C-alpha atoms as a PDB file:
ATOM      1  CA  UNK A   1     144.274 -33.534  14.792  1.00  0.00           C
ATOM      2  CA  UNK A   2     142.470 -30.620  16.477  1.00  0.00           C
ATOM      3  CA  UNK A   3     145.891 -29.123  17.279  1.00  0.00           C
ATOM      4  CA  UNK A   4     146.757 -29.231  13.589  1.00  0.00           C
ATOM      5  CA  UNK A   5     143.493 -27.499  12.649  1.00  0.00           C
ATOM      6  CA  UNK A   6     144.066 -24.811  15.304  1.00  0.00           C
ATOM      7  CA  UNK A   7     147.571 -24.279  13.968  1.00  0.00           C
ATOM      8  CA  UNK A   8     146.226 -23.879  10.428  1.00  0.00           C
ATOM      9  CA  UNK A   9     143.576 -21.428  11.626  1.00  0.00           C
ATOM     10  CA  UNK A  10     146.198 -19.388  13.479  1.00  0.00           C
ATOM     11  CA  UNK A  11     148.472 -19.376  10.441  1.00  0.00           C
ATOM     12  CA  UNK A  12     145.651 -18.151   8.225  1.00  0.00           C
ATOM     13  CA  UNK A  13     144.757 -15.374  10.676  1.00  0.00           C
ATOM     14  CA  UNK A  14     148.404 -14.281  10.676  1.00  0.00           C
ATOM     15  CA  UNK A  15     148.632 -14.076   6.893  1.00  0.00           C
ATOM     16  CA  UNK A  16     149.273 -17.558   5.494  1.00  0.00           C
ATOM     17  CA  UNK A  17     149.343 -17.021   1.746  1.00  0.00           C
ATOM     18  CA  UNK A  18     146.868 -18.677  -0.616  1.00  0.00           C
ATOM     19  CA  UNK A  19     149.604 -20.785  -2.184  1.00  0.00           C
ATOM     20  CA  UNK A  20     150.509 -22.390   1.157  1.00  0.00           C
ATOM     21  CA  UNK A  21     146.868 -22.779   2.181  1.00  0.00           C
ATOM     22  CA  UNK A  22     146.248 -24.642  -1.089  1.00  0.00           C
ATOM     23  CA  UNK A  23     149.308 -26.879  -0.508  1.00  0.00           C
ATOM     24  CA  UNK A  24     148.089 -27.592   3.022  1.00  0.00           C
ATOM     25  CA  UNK A  25     144.567 -28.397   1.796  1.00  0.00           C
ATOM     26  CA  UNK A  26     145.977 -30.802  -0.802  1.00  0.00           C
ATOM     27  CA  UNK A  27     148.271 -32.648   1.635  1.00  0.00           C
ATOM     28  CA  UNK A  28     146.964 -36.207   1.968  1.00  0.00           C
ATOM     29  CA  UNK A  29     149.610 -37.711   4.262  1.00  0.00           C
ATOM     30  CA  UNK A  30     151.960 -36.889   7.114  1.00  0.00           C
ATOM     31  CA  UNK A  31     154.853 -36.977   4.655  1.00  0.00           C
ATOM     32  CA  UNK A  32     153.160 -34.320   2.480  1.00  0.00           C
ATOM     33  CA  UNK A  33     152.584 -32.164   5.579  1.00  0.00           C
ATOM     34  CA  UNK A  34     156.261 -32.536   6.518  1.00  0.00           C
ATOM     35  CA  UNK A  35     157.283 -31.559   2.981  1.00  0.00           C
ATOM     36  CA  UNK A  36     155.370 -28.301   3.484  1.00  0.00           C
ATOM     37  CA  UNK A  37     156.703 -27.786   7.026  1.00  0.00           C
ATOM     38  CA  UNK A  38     160.336 -28.263   6.002  1.00  0.00           C
ATOM     39  CA  UNK A  39     160.456 -26.239   2.837  1.00  0.00           C
ATOM     40  CA  UNK A  40     162.171 -22.852   3.184  1.00  0.00           C
ATOM     41  CA  UNK A  41     159.099 -20.778   4.016  1.00  0.00           C
ATOM     42  CA  UNK A  42     157.412 -23.545   5.978  1.00  0.00           C
ATOM     43  CA  UNK A  43     160.457 -24.017   8.222  1.00  0.00           C
ATOM     44  CA  UNK A  44     160.471 -20.304   9.004  1.00  0.00           C
ATOM     45  CA  UNK A  45     156.783 -20.436   9.897  1.00  0.00           C
ATOM     46  CA  UNK A  46     157.168 -23.549  12.088  1.00  0.00           C
ATOM     47  CA  UNK A  47     160.144 -22.051  13.972  1.00  0.00           C
ATOM     48  CA  UNK A  48     158.395 -18.711  14.467  1.00  0.00           C
ATOM     49  CA  UNK A  49     155.075 -20.273  15.490  1.00  0.00           C
ATOM     50  CA  UNK A  50     156.754 -22.367  18.176  1.00  0.00           C
ATOM     51  CA  UNK A  51     158.790 -19.408  19.403  1.00  0.00           C
ATOM     52  CA  UNK A  52     155.643 -17.297  19.689  1.00  0.00           C
ATOM     53  CA  UNK A  53     153.453 -20.024  21.200  1.00  0.00           C
ATOM     54  CA  UNK A  54     150.790 -20.190  18.487  1.00  0.00           C
ATOM     55  CA  UNK A  55     152.080 -23.240  16.612  1.00  0.00           C
ATOM     56  CA  UNK A  56     152.152 -26.955  17.260  1.00  0.00           C
ATOM     57  CA  UNK A  57     153.782 -28.013  20.496  1.00  0.00           C
ATOM     58  CA  UNK A  58     157.020 -29.996  20.291  1.00  0.00           C
ATOM     59  CA  UNK A  59     155.219 -32.826  22.127  1.00  0.00           C
ATOM     60  CA  UNK A  60     152.546 -32.893  19.411  1.00  0.00           C
ATOM     61  CA  UNK A  61     155.199 -33.070  16.699  1.00  0.00           C
ATOM     62  CA  UNK A  62     156.979 -35.955  18.496  1.00  0.00           C
ATOM     63  CA  UNK A  63     153.731 -37.862  19.017  1.00  0.00           C
ATOM     64  CA  UNK A  64     152.341 -37.430  15.491  1.00  0.00           C
ATOM     65  CA  UNK A  65     155.392 -37.048  13.221  1.00  0.00           C
ATOM     66  CA  UNK A  66     158.083 -39.174  14.897  1.00  0.00           C
ATOM     67  CA  UNK A  67     158.829 -41.029  11.644  1.00  0.00           C
ATOM     68  CA  UNK A  68     159.816 -37.742   9.996  1.00  0.00           C
ATOM     69  CA  UNK A  69     162.105 -36.101  12.577  1.00  0.00           C
ATOM     70  CA  UNK A  70     165.446 -36.592  14.346  1.00  0.00           C
ATOM     71  CA  UNK A  71     167.360 -37.876  11.339  1.00  0.00           C
ATOM     72  CA  UNK A  72     164.774 -40.473  10.214  1.00  0.00           C
ATOM     73  CA  UNK A  73     163.602 -38.516   7.157  1.00  0.00           C
ATOM     74  CA  UNK A  74     164.996 -35.862   4.853  1.00  0.00           C
ATOM     75  CA  UNK A  75     163.061 -33.678   2.418  1.00  0.00           C
ATOM     76  CA  UNK A  76     164.820 -33.604  -0.963  1.00  0.00           C
ATOM     77  CA  UNK A  77     162.889 -31.319  -3.263  1.00  0.00           C
ATOM     78  CA  UNK A  78     163.155 -28.008  -5.139  1.00  0.00           C
ATOM     79  CA  UNK A  79     166.942 -28.197  -5.354  1.00  0.00           C
ATOM     80  CA  UNK A  80     167.704 -28.468  -1.623  1.00  0.00           C
ATOM     81  CA  UNK A  81     167.377 -30.787   1.358  1.00  0.00           C
ATOM     82  CA  UNK A  82     165.892 -30.140   4.789  1.00  0.00           C
ATOM     83  CA  UNK A  83     165.010 -31.887   8.030  1.00  0.00           C
ATOM     84  CA  UNK A  84     163.706 -31.296  11.549  1.00  0.00           C
ATOM     85  CA  UNK A  85     164.910 -32.336  15.003  1.00  0.00           C
ATOM     86  CA  UNK A  86     162.652 -32.134  18.088  1.00  0.00           C
ATOM     87  CA  UNK A  87     163.727 -32.822  21.707  1.00  0.00           C
ATOM     88  CA  UNK A  88     166.997 -34.248  20.322  1.00  0.00           C
ATOM     89  CA  UNK A  89     169.875 -34.717  22.768  1.00  0.00           C
ATOM     90  CA  UNK A  90     172.607 -36.405  20.683  1.00  0.00           C
ATOM     91  CA  UNK A  91     175.196 -35.170  18.193  1.00  0.00           C
ATOM     92  CA  UNK A  92     174.002 -34.189  14.717  1.00  0.00           C
ATOM     93  CA  UNK A  93     176.135 -34.134  11.567  1.00  0.00           C
ATOM     94  CA  UNK A  94     174.521 -31.565   9.290  1.00  0.00           C
ATOM     95  CA  UNK A  95     173.638 -33.191   5.980  1.00  0.00           C
ATOM     96  CA  UNK A  96     170.845 -30.892   4.803  1.00  0.00           C
ATOM     97  CA  UNK A  97     170.716 -27.405   3.357  1.00  0.00           C
ATOM     98  CA  UNK A  98     168.136 -26.425   6.022  1.00  0.00           C
ATOM     99  CA  UNK A  99     167.838 -27.992   9.483  1.00  0.00           C
ATOM    100  CA  UNK A 100     165.370 -26.975  12.206  1.00  0.00           C
ATOM    101  CA  UNK A 101     166.062 -27.708  15.884  1.00  0.00           C
ATOM    102  CA  UNK A 102     163.139 -27.425  18.324  1.00  0.00           C
ATOM    103  CA  UNK A 103     163.781 -27.804  22.074  1.00  0.00           C
ATOM    104  CA  UNK A 104     167.083 -29.588  21.369  1.00  0.00           C
ATOM    105  CA  UNK A 105     170.256 -29.745  23.443  1.00  0.00           C
ATOM    106  CA  UNK A 106     172.919 -31.057  21.131  1.00  0.00           C
ATOM    107  CA  UNK A 107     176.203 -30.632  19.347  1.00  0.00           C
ATOM    108  CA  UNK A 108     175.850 -29.805  15.663  1.00  0.00           C
ATOM    109  CA  UNK A 109     178.744 -30.594  13.308  1.00  0.00           C
ATOM    110  CA  UNK A 110     179.047 -28.577  10.083  1.00  0.00           C
ATOM    111  CA  UNK A 111     181.850 -30.323   8.250  1.00  0.00           C
ATOM    112  CA  UNK A 112     184.186 -28.729   5.718  1.00  0.00           C
ATOM    113  CA  UNK A 113     182.456 -28.263   2.369  1.00  0.00           C
ATOM    114  CA  UNK A 114     178.965 -28.075   3.931  1.00  0.00           C
ATOM    115  CA  UNK A 115     176.851 -24.928   3.506  1.00  0.00           C
ATOM    116  CA  UNK A 116     173.730 -24.876   5.655  1.00  0.00           C
ATOM    117  CA  UNK A 117     171.077 -22.831   7.411  1.00  0.00           C
ATOM    118  CA  UNK A 118     170.380 -23.920  10.992  1.00  0.00           C
ATOM    119  CA  UNK A 119     167.088 -22.815  12.522  1.00  0.00           C
ATOM    120  CA  UNK A 120     166.748 -22.776  16.329  1.00  0.00           C
ATOM    121  CA  UNK A 121     163.371 -22.542  18.047  1.00  0.00           C
ATOM    122  CA  UNK A 122     161.791 -23.270  21.399  1.00  0.00           C
ATOM    123  CA  UNK A 123     164.316 -23.798  24.160  1.00  0.00           C
ATOM    124  CA  UNK A 124     167.115 -25.156  21.981  1.00  0.00           C
ATOM    125  CA  UNK A 125     170.670 -24.921  23.277  1.00  0.00           C
ATOM    126  CA  UNK A 126     173.076 -25.938  20.542  1.00  0.00           C
ATOM    127  CA  UNK A 127     176.833 -26.006  20.184  1.00  0.00           C
ATOM    128  CA  UNK A 128     177.763 -25.492  16.517  1.00  0.00           C
ATOM    129  CA  UNK A 129     181.125 -26.983  15.628  1.00  0.00           C
ATOM    130  CA  UNK A 130     181.696 -25.471  12.205  1.00  0.00           C
ATOM    131  CA  UNK A 131     184.405 -26.211   9.674  1.00  0.00           C
ATOM    132  CA  UNK A 132     182.112 -25.326   6.758  1.00  0.00           C
ATOM    133  CA  UNK A 133     179.750 -22.379   6.321  1.00  0.00           C
ATOM    134  CA  UNK A 134     176.442 -21.877   8.112  1.00  0.00           C
ATOM    135  CA  UNK A 135     173.902 -19.302   9.090  1.00  0.00           C
ATOM    136  CA  UNK A 136     172.223 -19.844  12.452  1.00  0.00           C
ATOM    137  CA  UNK A 137     168.736 -18.325  12.591  1.00  0.00           C
ATOM    138  CA  UNK A 138     167.573 -18.014  16.188  1.00  0.00           C
ATOM    139  CA  UNK A 139     163.875 -17.482  16.922  1.00  0.00           C
ATOM    140  CA  UNK A 140     163.099 -15.748  20.204  1.00  0.00           C
ATOM    141  CA  UNK A 141     165.015 -15.297  23.432  1.00  0.00           C
ATOM    142  CA  UNK A 142     164.595 -18.846  24.724  1.00  0.00           C
ATOM    143  CA  UNK A 143     167.125 -20.514  22.420  1.00  0.00           C
ATOM    144  CA  UNK A 144     170.874 -20.063  22.234  1.00  0.00           C
ATOM    145  CA  UNK A 145     174.015 -21.392  20.607  1.00  0.00           C
ATOM    146  CA  UNK A 146     177.778 -21.298  20.891  1.00  0.00           C
ATOM    147  CA  UNK A 147     180.312 -21.886  18.148  1.00  0.00           C
ATOM    148  CA  UNK A 148     183.642 -23.611  17.739  1.00  0.00           C
ATOM    149  CA  UNK A 149     185.853 -24.309  14.765  1.00  0.00           C
ATOM    150  CA  UNK A 150     187.462 -22.528  11.817  1.00  0.00           C
ATOM    151  CA  UNK A 151     184.394 -22.289   9.595  1.00  0.00           C
ATOM    152  CA  UNK A 152     182.179 -19.298   8.849  1.00  0.00           C
ATOM    153  CA  UNK A 153     179.120 -18.786  11.066  1.00  0.00           C
ATOM    154  CA  UNK A 154     176.611 -15.996  10.486  1.00  0.00           C
ATOM    155  CA  UNK A 155     173.808 -15.271  12.932  1.00  0.00           C
ATOM    156  CA  UNK A 156     170.293 -13.947  12.394  1.00  0.00           C
ATOM    157  CA  UNK A 157     168.030 -13.238  15.352  1.00  0.00           C
ATOM    158  CA  UNK A 158     164.276 -13.179  14.823  1.00  0.00           C
ATOM    159  CA  UNK A 159     162.523 -11.376  17.687  1.00  0.00           C
ATOM    160  CA  UNK A 160     159.262 -12.811  18.962  1.00  0.00           C
ATOM    161  CA  UNK A 161     157.439  -9.692  17.817  1.00  0.00           C
ATOM    162  CA  UNK A 162     158.422  -9.988  14.156  1.00  0.00           C
ATOM    163  CA  UNK A 163     155.959 -11.440  11.632  1.00  0.00           C
ATOM    164  CA  UNK A 164     156.934 -14.878  10.380  1.00  0.00           C
ATOM    165  CA  UNK A 165     157.005 -14.121   6.672  1.00  0.00           C
ATOM    166  CA  UNK A 166     160.018 -12.905   4.654  1.00  0.00           C
ATOM    167  CA  UNK A 167     162.750 -12.415   7.260  1.00  0.00           C
ATOM    168  CA  UNK A 168     165.719 -10.577   5.743  1.00  0.00           C
ATOM    169  CA  UNK A 169     169.337 -11.162   6.720  1.00  0.00           C
ATOM    170  CA  UNK A 170     171.128  -8.130   8.121  1.00  0.00           C
END
């Protein structure tokens, strides 16, 4: 858990707000930590921290949170759903409002009627087959995606030098 404490320390030094620090302090289980990590602001911070090399390593996430990633668990709270994939190589049918991919090489299916945000971090290489509507948010230069299909795909690129809080769509 030293990695987790270092990550928290780094986040605080980079401006983690009091509200999130309090949530983190109150988390008493891995599931509670994953609820924080996969909410809208937490997902942005996780993706950015991995992209910039100051967050948890994908290997650490796999080792310590394997029951909560790669389609095994879905956060359903605050009016939306979210989930995280790490080192995933298979196809993924998007079922959540927000989905984070870290170091994944996979095909992502956004079916008709689905509206989703797809976060890419680490060295992810993803093919988005979209018949619905999605926004792909790419963190850093090491991840990439291609698109296919008749759906609507928007892209947002977050440069490694940008702070992790409050990214605006352009």
